[in-house]
Amino acid sequence: MLSAAAHRAVRRWSRLQSRVVRQAPRERNYHVFYYLVKGADPEERTRCFLQNKRCEDFYYLNQSGCTSIENWHDDKCFVELKVRVPAVANLNRV
């Protein structure tokens, strides 16, 4: 028999697992990848093997049928991400 703490850990793990493998309709996951695909400059796209790629080309980005949100600018979010996370800003130097 599981202790109460172990039971909670298993339940938490179960919820996380279902979240990763299944998206609700019109839900987006892996937001940073939408930002990258839509906001990377040509050099970054080449370095990340994203030339001529769209969000619709990636299973985990398009399985819910929602690759964009009205009045939401993934490209601008990528620029902001590069300002806030130095490792992303150095993408061209990797």
C-alpha atoms as a PDB file:
ATOM      1  CA  MET A   1       0.000   0.000   0.000  1.00  0.00           C
ATOM      2  CA  LEU A   2       1.298   3.481  -0.898  1.00  0.00           C
ATOM      3  CA  SER A   3       1.841   6.140   1.714  1.00  0.00           C
ATOM      4  CA  ALA A   4      -0.132   9.356   1.318  1.00  0.00           C
ATOM      5  CA  ALA A   5       2.999  11.163   0.081  1.00  0.00           C
ATOM      6  CA  ALA A   6       3.770   8.453  -2.472  1.00  0.00           C
ATOM      7  CA  HIS A   7       0.155   8.448  -3.625  1.00  0.00           C
ATOM      8  CA  ARG A   8       0.295  12.232  -4.192  1.00  0.00           C
ATOM      9  CA  ALA A   9       3.576  11.882  -6.099  1.00  0.00           C
ATOM     10  CA  VAL A  10       2.094   9.214  -8.383  1.00  0.00           C
ATOM     11  CA  ARG A  11      -1.018  11.321  -9.014  1.00  0.00           C
ATOM     12  CA  ARG A  12       1.120  14.394  -9.787  1.00  0.00           C
ATOM     13  CA  TRP A  13       3.309  12.354 -12.147  1.00  0.00           C
ATOM     14  CA  SER A  14       0.191  10.929 -13.871  1.00  0.00           C
ATOM     15  CA  ARG A  15      -1.200  14.393 -14.507  1.00  0.00           C
ATOM     16  CA  LEU A  16       2.115  15.561 -15.950  1.00  0.00           C
ATOM     17  CA  GLN A  17       2.352  12.544 -18.245  1.00  0.00           C
ATOM     18  CA  SER A  18      -1.106  13.084 -19.690  1.00  0.00           C
ATOM     19  CA  ARG A  19      -0.274  16.745 -20.221  1.00  0.00           C
ATOM     20  CA  VAL A  20       2.779  15.947 -22.320  1.00  0.00           C
ATOM     21  CA  VAL A  21       1.200  13.393 -24.628  1.00  0.00           C
ATOM     22  CA  ARG A  22      -2.161  14.991 -25.241  1.00  0.00           C
ATOM     23  CA  GLN A  23      -3.245  18.513 -26.091  1.00  0.00           C
ATOM     24  CA  ALA A  24      -6.731  19.879 -25.855  1.00  0.00           C
ATOM     25  CA  PRO A  25      -8.177  21.158 -29.141  1.00  0.00           C
ATOM     26  CA  ARG A  26      -6.943  24.673 -29.955  1.00  0.00           C
ATOM     27  CA  GLU A  27      -4.322  24.524 -27.168  1.00  0.00           C
ATOM     28  CA  ARG A  28      -0.670  25.319 -27.725  1.00  0.00           C
ATOM     29  CA  ASN A  29       2.218  23.611 -25.921  1.00  0.00           C
ATOM     30  CA  TYR A  30       5.964  24.115 -26.102  1.00  0.00           C
ATOM     31  CA  HIS A  31       5.551  27.870 -26.505  1.00  0.00           C
ATOM     32  CA  VAL A  32       9.245  28.566 -26.911  1.00  0.00           C
ATOM     33  CA  PHE A  33       9.256  26.533 -30.126  1.00  0.00           C
ATOM     34  CA  TYR A  34       6.473  28.629 -31.641  1.00  0.00           C
ATOM     35  CA  TYR A  35       8.589  31.667 -30.749  1.00  0.00           C
ATOM     36  CA  LEU A  36      11.707  30.151 -32.299  1.00  0.00           C
ATOM     37  CA  VAL A  37      10.070  29.002 -35.534  1.00  0.00           C
ATOM     38  CA  LYS A  38       8.309  32.321 -36.082  1.00  0.00           C
ATOM     39  CA  GLY A  39      10.945  34.694 -34.713  1.00  0.00           C
ATOM     40  CA  ALA A  40      14.386  33.357 -35.587  1.00  0.00           C
ATOM     41  CA  ASP A  41      16.429  35.362 -38.035  1.00  0.00           C
ATOM     42  CA  PRO A  42      17.868  33.608 -41.130  1.00  0.00           C
ATOM     43  CA  GLU A  43      21.165  32.730 -39.431  1.00  0.00           C
ATOM     44  CA  GLU A  44      19.377  31.291 -36.388  1.00  0.00           C
ATOM     45  CA  ARG A  45      17.013  29.342 -38.619  1.00  0.00           C
ATOM     46  CA  THR A  46      19.973  27.821 -40.471  1.00  0.00           C
ATOM     47  CA  ARG A  47      21.795  26.957 -37.249  1.00  0.00           C
ATOM     48  CA  CYS A  48      18.646  25.243 -35.895  1.00  0.00           C
ATOM     49  CA  PHE A  49      17.795  23.487 -39.196  1.00  0.00           C
ATOM     50  CA  LEU A  50      14.577  25.472 -39.565  1.00  0.00           C
ATOM     51  CA  GLN A  51      14.985  26.772 -43.109  1.00  0.00           C
ATOM     52  CA  ASN A  52      11.621  26.750 -44.875  1.00  0.00           C
ATOM     53  CA  LYS A  53       9.905  25.304 -41.782  1.00  0.00           C
ATOM     54  CA  ARG A  54       6.605  26.462 -40.332  1.00  0.00           C
ATOM     55  CA  CYS A  55       4.926  25.516 -37.066  1.00  0.00           C
ATOM     56  CA  GLU A  56       2.529  23.387 -39.096  1.00  0.00           C
ATOM     57  CA  ASP A  57       5.478  21.196 -40.120  1.00  0.00           C
ATOM     58  CA  PHE A  58       6.045  19.960 -36.548  1.00  0.00           C
ATOM     59  CA  TYR A  59       3.785  17.341 -35.005  1.00  0.00           C
ATOM     60  CA  TYR A  60       4.016  18.619 -31.433  1.00  0.00           C
ATOM     61  CA  LEU A  61       3.230  22.153 -32.521  1.00  0.00           C
ATOM     62  CA  ASN A  62       0.275  21.408 -34.781  1.00  0.00           C
ATOM     63  CA  GLN A  63      -1.552  18.450 -33.247  1.00  0.00           C
ATOM     64  CA  SER A  64      -4.199  20.659 -31.623  1.00  0.00           C
ATOM     65  CA  GLY A  65      -4.873  22.598 -34.820  1.00  0.00           C
ATOM     66  CA  CYS A  66      -3.693  25.859 -33.249  1.00  0.00           C
ATOM     67  CA  THR A  67      -0.343  27.225 -34.370  1.00  0.00           C
ATOM     68  CA  SER A  68      -1.134  30.905 -33.942  1.00  0.00           C
ATOM     69  CA  ILE A  69      -3.224  33.096 -31.679  1.00  0.00           C
ATOM     70  CA  GLU A  70      -4.989  36.217 -32.886  1.00  0.00           C
ATOM     71  CA  ASN A  71      -3.212  39.383 -31.702  1.00  0.00           C
ATOM     72  CA  TRP A  72      -0.298  37.363 -30.267  1.00  0.00           C
ATOM     73  CA  HIS A  73       3.129  37.912 -31.800  1.00  0.00           C
ATOM     74  CA  ASP A  74       5.407  34.903 -31.391  1.00  0.00           C
ATOM     75  CA  ASP A  75       8.183  36.667 -33.295  1.00  0.00           C
ATOM     76  CA  LYS A  76       8.199  39.533 -30.777  1.00  0.00           C
ATOM     77  CA  CYS A  77       8.129  37.029 -27.918  1.00  0.00           C
ATOM     78  CA  PHE A  78      11.273  35.434 -29.358  1.00  0.00           C
ATOM     79  CA  VAL A  79      13.061  38.790 -29.377  1.00  0.00           C
ATOM     80  CA  GLU A  80      12.038  39.343 -25.745  1.00  0.00           C
ATOM     81  CA  LEU A  81      13.145  35.812 -24.846  1.00  0.00           C
ATOM     82  CA  LYS A  82      16.585  36.505 -26.306  1.00  0.00           C
ATOM     83  CA  VAL A  83      16.855  39.615 -24.126  1.00  0.00           C
ATOM     84  CA  ARG A  84      15.865  37.736 -20.974  1.00  0.00           C
ATOM     85  CA  VAL A  85      17.702  34.431 -21.513  1.00  0.00           C
ATOM     86  CA  PRO A  86      21.350  34.863 -22.506  1.00  0.00           C
ATOM     87  CA  ALA A  87      21.705  31.282 -23.780  1.00  0.00           C
ATOM     88  CA  VAL A  88      19.011  31.945 -26.394  1.00  0.00           C
ATOM     89  CA  ALA A  89      20.629  35.244 -27.361  1.00  0.00           C
ATOM     90  CA  ASN A  90      23.878  33.331 -28.024  1.00  0.00           C
ATOM     91  CA  LEU A  91      22.184  30.840 -30.340  1.00  0.00           C
ATOM     92  CA  ASN A  92      24.320  31.955 -33.271  1.00  0.00           C
ATOM     93  CA  ARG A  93      27.539  31.323 -31.339  1.00  0.00           C
ATOM     94  CA  VAL A  94      26.840  27.695 -30.402  1.00  0.00           C
END
